[in-house]
Amino acid sequence: MQPDELILQLKKQNEVAFSQIYDMYSENIFGIINNIVKDVEIAEEVLQDVFIKVWNKSDSYSADKGRFFTWLLNISRNAAIDKVRSKAYKNKLKNSDFDDFSFFIKDDMDLDSQSDGYGLRKFVDKLKPMCVKLIDLLFFKGYTQKEVSETLDIPLGTVKSRNRSCLNSLRETLG
C-alpha cells in the first residue's frame, strides 16, 4: 500500500496498515523522542504511548492541515516533552536512594585513607543521622525543602531550621 492508502486504512482502524505505518516511522520517531528524553527505556515507553495515541486519534489527522509525518512528529514531540516535565521522570533523574548513598559512603570507599584528600570518614561520622538524611535529600538528590518536608513528614520550617543547623555544623567541622 502507498502511504496515503495506509493512512486511509489506519483511519478505518486497519491493524495491518497500522503495523506498516509503525514499521515505516517508528525508527525516526524513536530518534526524535530519545533526543528529548535522553533515556532509551523511557524513549521506548513514550514511543509506545505515541503509537497508541496515533491508533486512538487517527481520525483527527487531516491531510489538508499538513503531512502525516508532521502530525506524527508533533504528537511525538509533545509526548516526549510531557514525559520530561512529569514528576516521575524528574524523580528518576535524582540520585539513588538514601540507603544506597549511605552504603556507598560507608562500605564501598576507604574513607579513612588520605587518598580521598578530605578525610570523609571523620566528617561523615560527626554528622547527626538527620543531617545526613537532609544533606542527601537536598544536595545529592536535588529535593526542594518542601519536598523534603513531605518526604520526611516534618514541617517546612523544621526542615529549614535543621538544614541551617546542619550546614553550620559542617562549617564548624571543616574549620
C-alpha atoms as a PDB file:
ATOM      1  CA  MET A   1       0.000   0.000   0.000  1.00  0.00           C
ATOM      2  CA  GLN A   2       1.057   3.569  -0.643  1.00  0.00           C
ATOM      3  CA  PRO A   3       1.385   5.947   2.345  1.00  0.00           C
ATOM      4  CA  ASP A   4      -1.868   7.747   1.501  1.00  0.00           C
ATOM      5  CA  GLU A   5      -3.714   4.441   1.275  1.00  0.00           C
ATOM      6  CA  LEU A   6      -2.123   3.308   4.569  1.00  0.00           C
ATOM      7  CA  ILE A   7      -3.349   6.459   6.283  1.00  0.00           C
ATOM      8  CA  LEU A   8      -6.880   5.929   4.968  1.00  0.00           C
ATOM      9  CA  GLN A   9      -6.795   2.338   6.188  1.00  0.00           C
ATOM     10  CA  LEU A  10      -5.414   3.473   9.560  1.00  0.00           C
ATOM     11  CA  LYS A  11      -8.379   5.810   9.936  1.00  0.00           C
ATOM     12  CA  LYS A  12     -10.584   2.740   9.421  1.00  0.00           C
ATOM     13  CA  GLN A  13      -8.677   1.018  12.277  1.00  0.00           C
ATOM     14  CA  ASN A  14      -6.962  -1.467   9.949  1.00  0.00           C
ATOM     15  CA  GLU A  15      -4.329  -3.281  12.019  1.00  0.00           C
ATOM     16  CA  VAL A  16      -2.202  -4.249   9.009  1.00  0.00           C
ATOM     17  CA  ALA A  17      -1.997  -0.615   7.926  1.00  0.00           C
ATOM     18  CA  PHE A  18      -1.137   0.412  11.463  1.00  0.00           C
ATOM     19  CA  SER A  19       1.632  -2.182  11.596  1.00  0.00           C
ATOM     20  CA  GLN A  20       3.070  -0.947   8.299  1.00  0.00           C
ATOM     21  CA  ILE A  21       2.939   2.673   9.456  1.00  0.00           C
ATOM     22  CA  TYR A  22       4.700   1.655  12.650  1.00  0.00           C
ATOM     23  CA  ASP A  23       7.413  -0.090  10.632  1.00  0.00           C
ATOM     24  CA  MET A  24       7.811   2.951   8.371  1.00  0.00           C
ATOM     25  CA  TYR A  25       8.034   5.632  11.046  1.00  0.00           C
ATOM     26  CA  SER A  26       8.961   4.097  14.408  1.00  0.00           C
ATOM     27  CA  GLU A  27      12.730   4.340  13.968  1.00  0.00           C
ATOM     28  CA  ASN A  28      12.625   8.051  13.098  1.00  0.00           C
ATOM     29  CA  ILE A  29      10.097   8.837  15.809  1.00  0.00           C
ATOM     30  CA  PHE A  30      12.143   6.910  18.371  1.00  0.00           C
ATOM     31  CA  GLY A  31      15.197   9.021  17.463  1.00  0.00           C
ATOM     32  CA  ILE A  32      13.246  12.233  17.987  1.00  0.00           C
ATOM     33  CA  ILE A  33      11.842  11.074  21.320  1.00  0.00           C
ATOM     34  CA  ASN A  34      15.199   9.759  22.536  1.00  0.00           C
ATOM     35  CA  ASN A  35      16.808  13.075  21.636  1.00  0.00           C
ATOM     36  CA  ILE A  36      14.395  14.791  24.050  1.00  0.00           C
ATOM     37  CA  VAL A  37      14.233  12.308  26.949  1.00  0.00           C
ATOM     38  CA  LYS A  38      17.837  11.058  26.639  1.00  0.00           C
ATOM     39  CA  ASP A  39      16.996   7.607  28.015  1.00  0.00           C
ATOM     40  CA  VAL A  40      16.436   4.573  25.774  1.00  0.00           C
ATOM     41  CA  GLU A  41      13.974   2.802  28.089  1.00  0.00           C
ATOM     42  CA  ILE A  42      11.872   5.915  28.601  1.00  0.00           C
ATOM     43  CA  ALA A  43      12.009   6.683  24.879  1.00  0.00           C
ATOM     44  CA  GLU A  44      10.673   3.190  24.144  1.00  0.00           C
ATOM     45  CA  GLU A  45       7.794   3.764  26.572  1.00  0.00           C
ATOM     46  CA  VAL A  46       6.974   7.131  25.020  1.00  0.00           C
ATOM     47  CA  LEU A  47       7.163   5.611  21.520  1.00  0.00           C
ATOM     48  CA  GLN A  48       4.606   3.012  22.549  1.00  0.00           C
ATOM     49  CA  ASP A  49       2.372   5.728  24.009  1.00  0.00           C
ATOM     50  CA  VAL A  50       2.701   7.762  20.809  1.00  0.00           C
ATOM     51  CA  PHE A  51       1.557   4.911  18.602  1.00  0.00           C
ATOM     52  CA  ILE A  52      -1.342   4.169  20.951  1.00  0.00           C
ATOM     53  CA  LYS A  53      -2.365   7.818  20.520  1.00  0.00           C
ATOM     54  CA  VAL A  54      -1.956   7.508  16.753  1.00  0.00           C
ATOM     55  CA  TRP A  55      -4.238   4.459  16.763  1.00  0.00           C
ATOM     56  CA  ASN A  56      -6.831   6.088  19.005  1.00  0.00           C
ATOM     57  CA  LYS A  57      -6.771   9.503  17.328  1.00  0.00           C
ATOM     58  CA  SER A  58      -6.125   8.548  13.718  1.00  0.00           C
ATOM     59  CA  ASP A  59      -9.446  10.087  12.683  1.00  0.00           C
ATOM     60  CA  SER A  60      -8.180  13.511  13.833  1.00  0.00           C
ATOM     61  CA  TYR A  61      -5.487  13.584  11.147  1.00  0.00           C
ATOM     62  CA  SER A  62      -6.326  15.742   8.149  1.00  0.00           C
ATOM     63  CA  ALA A  63      -4.157  15.911   5.038  1.00  0.00           C
ATOM     64  CA  ASP A  64      -5.481  19.443   4.486  1.00  0.00           C
ATOM     65  CA  LYS A  65      -3.673  20.611   7.632  1.00  0.00           C
ATOM     66  CA  GLY A  66      -0.298  19.059   6.853  1.00  0.00           C
ATOM     67  CA  ARG A  67       1.713  15.953   6.152  1.00  0.00           C
ATOM     68  CA  PHE A  68       1.144  12.781   8.150  1.00  0.00           C
ATOM     69  CA  PHE A  69       4.756  12.698   9.318  1.00  0.00           C
ATOM     70  CA  THR A  70       4.430  16.251  10.674  1.00  0.00           C
ATOM     71  CA  TRP A  71       1.292  15.249  12.566  1.00  0.00           C
ATOM     72  CA  LEU A  72       3.075  12.191  13.927  1.00  0.00           C
ATOM     73  CA  LEU A  73       6.123  14.289  14.797  1.00  0.00           C
ATOM     74  CA  ASN A  74       4.024  16.782  16.774  1.00  0.00           C
ATOM     75  CA  ILE A  75       2.364  14.004  18.772  1.00  0.00           C
ATOM     76  CA  SER A  76       5.795  12.506  19.490  1.00  0.00           C
ATOM     77  CA  ARG A  77       7.426  15.778  20.473  1.00  0.00           C
ATOM     78  CA  ASN A  78       4.555  16.716  22.776  1.00  0.00           C
ATOM     79  CA  ALA A  79       4.547  13.277  24.408  1.00  0.00           C
ATOM     80  CA  ALA A  80       8.306  13.422  24.985  1.00  0.00           C
ATOM     81  CA  ILE A  81       8.114  16.926  26.459  1.00  0.00           C
ATOM     82  CA  ASP A  82       5.222  15.871  28.710  1.00  0.00           C
ATOM     83  CA  LYS A  83       7.325  12.931  29.920  1.00  0.00           C
ATOM     84  CA  VAL A  84      10.333  15.148  30.673  1.00  0.00           C
ATOM     85  CA  ARG A  85       8.128  17.536  32.636  1.00  0.00           C
ATOM     86  CA  SER A  86       6.477  14.744  34.625  1.00  0.00           C
ATOM     87  CA  LYS A  87       7.265  14.263  38.295  1.00  0.00           C
ATOM     88  CA  ALA A  88       8.115  10.588  37.757  1.00  0.00           C
ATOM     89  CA  TYR A  89      10.767  11.498  35.185  1.00  0.00           C
ATOM     90  CA  LYS A  90      12.283  14.144  37.459  1.00  0.00           C
ATOM     91  CA  ASN A  91      12.386  11.705  40.361  1.00  0.00           C
ATOM     92  CA  LYS A  92      14.108   9.111  38.175  1.00  0.00           C
ATOM     93  CA  LEU A  93      16.844  11.616  37.407  1.00  0.00           C
ATOM     94  CA  LYS A  94      17.546  12.229  41.056  1.00  0.00           C
ATOM     95  CA  ASN A  95      20.399  10.336  42.647  1.00  0.00           C
ATOM     96  CA  SER A  96      19.938   6.915  44.153  1.00  0.00           C
ATOM     97  CA  ASP A  97      18.038   6.265  47.333  1.00  0.00           C
ATOM     98  CA  PHE A  98      19.391   7.459  50.709  1.00  0.00           C
ATOM     99  CA  ASP A  99      20.208   3.900  51.745  1.00  0.00           C
ATOM    100  CA  ASP A 100      22.274   3.497  48.591  1.00  0.00           C
ATOM    101  CA  PHE A 101      24.127   6.717  49.422  1.00  0.00           C
ATOM    102  CA  SER A 102      24.874   5.540  52.964  1.00  0.00           C
ATOM    103  CA  PHE A 103      26.065   2.165  51.691  1.00  0.00           C
ATOM    104  CA  PHE A 104      28.286   3.874  49.156  1.00  0.00           C
ATOM    105  CA  ILE A 105      29.879   6.131  51.753  1.00  0.00           C
ATOM    106  CA  LYS A 106      30.372   3.537  54.478  1.00  0.00           C
ATOM    107  CA  ASP A 107      31.143   0.301  52.650  1.00  0.00           C
ATOM    108  CA  ASP A 108      32.442   0.937  49.152  1.00  0.00           C
ATOM    109  CA  MET A 109      35.081   3.556  49.914  1.00  0.00           C
ATOM    110  CA  ASP A 110      38.105   3.597  52.163  1.00  0.00           C
ATOM    111  CA  LEU A 111      37.346   6.994  53.627  1.00  0.00           C
ATOM    112  CA  ASP A 112      39.925   6.680  56.404  1.00  0.00           C
ATOM    113  CA  SER A 113      42.765   6.808  53.925  1.00  0.00           C
ATOM    114  CA  GLN A 114      44.254  10.115  52.982  1.00  0.00           C
ATOM    115  CA  SER A 115      43.910   9.218  49.295  1.00  0.00           C
ATOM    116  CA  ASP A 116      40.484  10.826  49.217  1.00  0.00           C
ATOM    117  CA  GLY A 117      42.124  14.104  50.252  1.00  0.00           C
ATOM    118  CA  TYR A 118      39.244  15.089  52.504  1.00  0.00           C
ATOM    119  CA  GLY A 119      39.120  12.572  55.358  1.00  0.00           C
ATOM    120  CA  LEU A 120      35.422  11.995  54.659  1.00  0.00           C
ATOM    121  CA  ARG A 121      35.058   9.222  57.254  1.00  0.00           C
ATOM    122  CA  LYS A 122      35.731  11.633  60.121  1.00  0.00           C
ATOM    123  CA  PHE A 123      33.447  14.190  58.542  1.00  0.00           C
ATOM    124  CA  VAL A 124      30.527  11.810  57.970  1.00  0.00           C
ATOM    125  CA  ASP A 125      30.843  10.226  61.420  1.00  0.00           C
ATOM    126  CA  LYS A 126      30.434  13.628  63.099  1.00  0.00           C
ATOM    127  CA  LEU A 127      27.092  14.345  61.440  1.00  0.00           C
ATOM    128  CA  LYS A 128      23.814  13.577  63.140  1.00  0.00           C
ATOM    129  CA  PRO A 129      21.719  10.984  61.264  1.00  0.00           C
ATOM    130  CA  MET A 130      19.074  13.616  60.497  1.00  0.00           C
ATOM    131  CA  CYS A 131      21.749  15.857  58.988  1.00  0.00           C
ATOM    132  CA  VAL A 132      22.994  13.047  56.776  1.00  0.00           C
ATOM    133  CA  LYS A 133      19.440  12.426  55.577  1.00  0.00           C
ATOM    134  CA  LEU A 134      18.758  16.141  54.965  1.00  0.00           C
ATOM    135  CA  ILE A 135      22.035  16.632  53.109  1.00  0.00           C
ATOM    136  CA  ASP A 136      21.358  13.563  50.993  1.00  0.00           C
ATOM    137  CA  LEU A 137      17.882  14.727  50.007  1.00  0.00           C
ATOM    138  CA  LEU A 138      18.709  18.408  49.487  1.00  0.00           C
ATOM    139  CA  PHE A 139      22.144  18.269  47.906  1.00  0.00           C
ATOM    140  CA  PHE A 140      22.615  14.806  46.441  1.00  0.00           C
ATOM    141  CA  LYS A 141      19.066  14.185  45.228  1.00  0.00           C
ATOM    142  CA  GLY A 142      18.097  17.759  44.446  1.00  0.00           C
ATOM    143  CA  TYR A 143      14.902  17.812  46.504  1.00  0.00           C
ATOM    144  CA  THR A 144      13.402  21.166  47.383  1.00  0.00           C
ATOM    145  CA  GLN A 145      12.898  21.949  51.051  1.00  0.00           C
ATOM    146  CA  LYS A 146       9.164  21.483  50.521  1.00  0.00           C
ATOM    147  CA  GLU A 147       9.737  18.013  49.006  1.00  0.00           C
ATOM    148  CA  VAL A 148      11.970  17.095  51.973  1.00  0.00           C
ATOM    149  CA  SER A 149       9.215  18.256  54.304  1.00  0.00           C
ATOM    150  CA  GLU A 150       6.703  15.998  52.579  1.00  0.00           C
ATOM    151  CA  THR A 151       9.119  13.045  52.320  1.00  0.00           C
ATOM    152  CA  LEU A 152      10.164  13.133  55.967  1.00  0.00           C
ATOM    153  CA  ASP A 153       6.710  14.239  57.154  1.00  0.00           C
ATOM    154  CA  ILE A 154       8.047  17.188  59.136  1.00  0.00           C
ATOM    155  CA  PRO A 155       7.051  20.857  58.938  1.00  0.00           C
ATOM    156  CA  LEU A 156       8.739  23.016  56.317  1.00  0.00           C
ATOM    157  CA  GLY A 157      10.048  25.396  58.985  1.00  0.00           C
ATOM    158  CA  THR A 158      11.715  22.478  60.752  1.00  0.00           C
ATOM    159  CA  VAL A 159      13.409  21.427  57.515  1.00  0.00           C
ATOM    160  CA  LYS A 160      14.731  24.956  57.047  1.00  0.00           C
ATOM    161  CA  SER A 161      15.965  25.191  60.633  1.00  0.00           C
ATOM    162  CA  ARG A 162      17.625  21.781  60.565  1.00  0.00           C
ATOM    163  CA  ASN A 163      19.208  22.494  57.202  1.00  0.00           C
ATOM    164  CA  ARG A 164      20.697  25.719  58.536  1.00  0.00           C
ATOM    165  CA  SER A 165      21.879  23.925  61.677  1.00  0.00           C
ATOM    166  CA  CYS A 166      23.401  21.066  59.685  1.00  0.00           C
ATOM    167  CA  LEU A 167      25.220  23.449  57.367  1.00  0.00           C
ATOM    168  CA  ASN A 168      26.593  25.319  60.374  1.00  0.00           C
ATOM    169  CA  SER A 169      27.791  22.008  61.831  1.00  0.00           C
ATOM    170  CA  LEU A 170      29.514  21.231  58.539  1.00  0.00           C
ATOM    171  CA  ARG A 171      31.212  24.625  58.532  1.00  0.00           C
ATOM    172  CA  GLU A 172      32.457  24.106  62.086  1.00  0.00           C
ATOM    173  CA  THR A 173      33.678  20.595  61.268  1.00  0.00           C
ATOM    174  CA  LEU A 174      35.557  21.838  58.236  1.00  0.00           C
ATOM    175  CA  GLY A 175      37.066  24.581  60.379  1.00  0.00           C
END
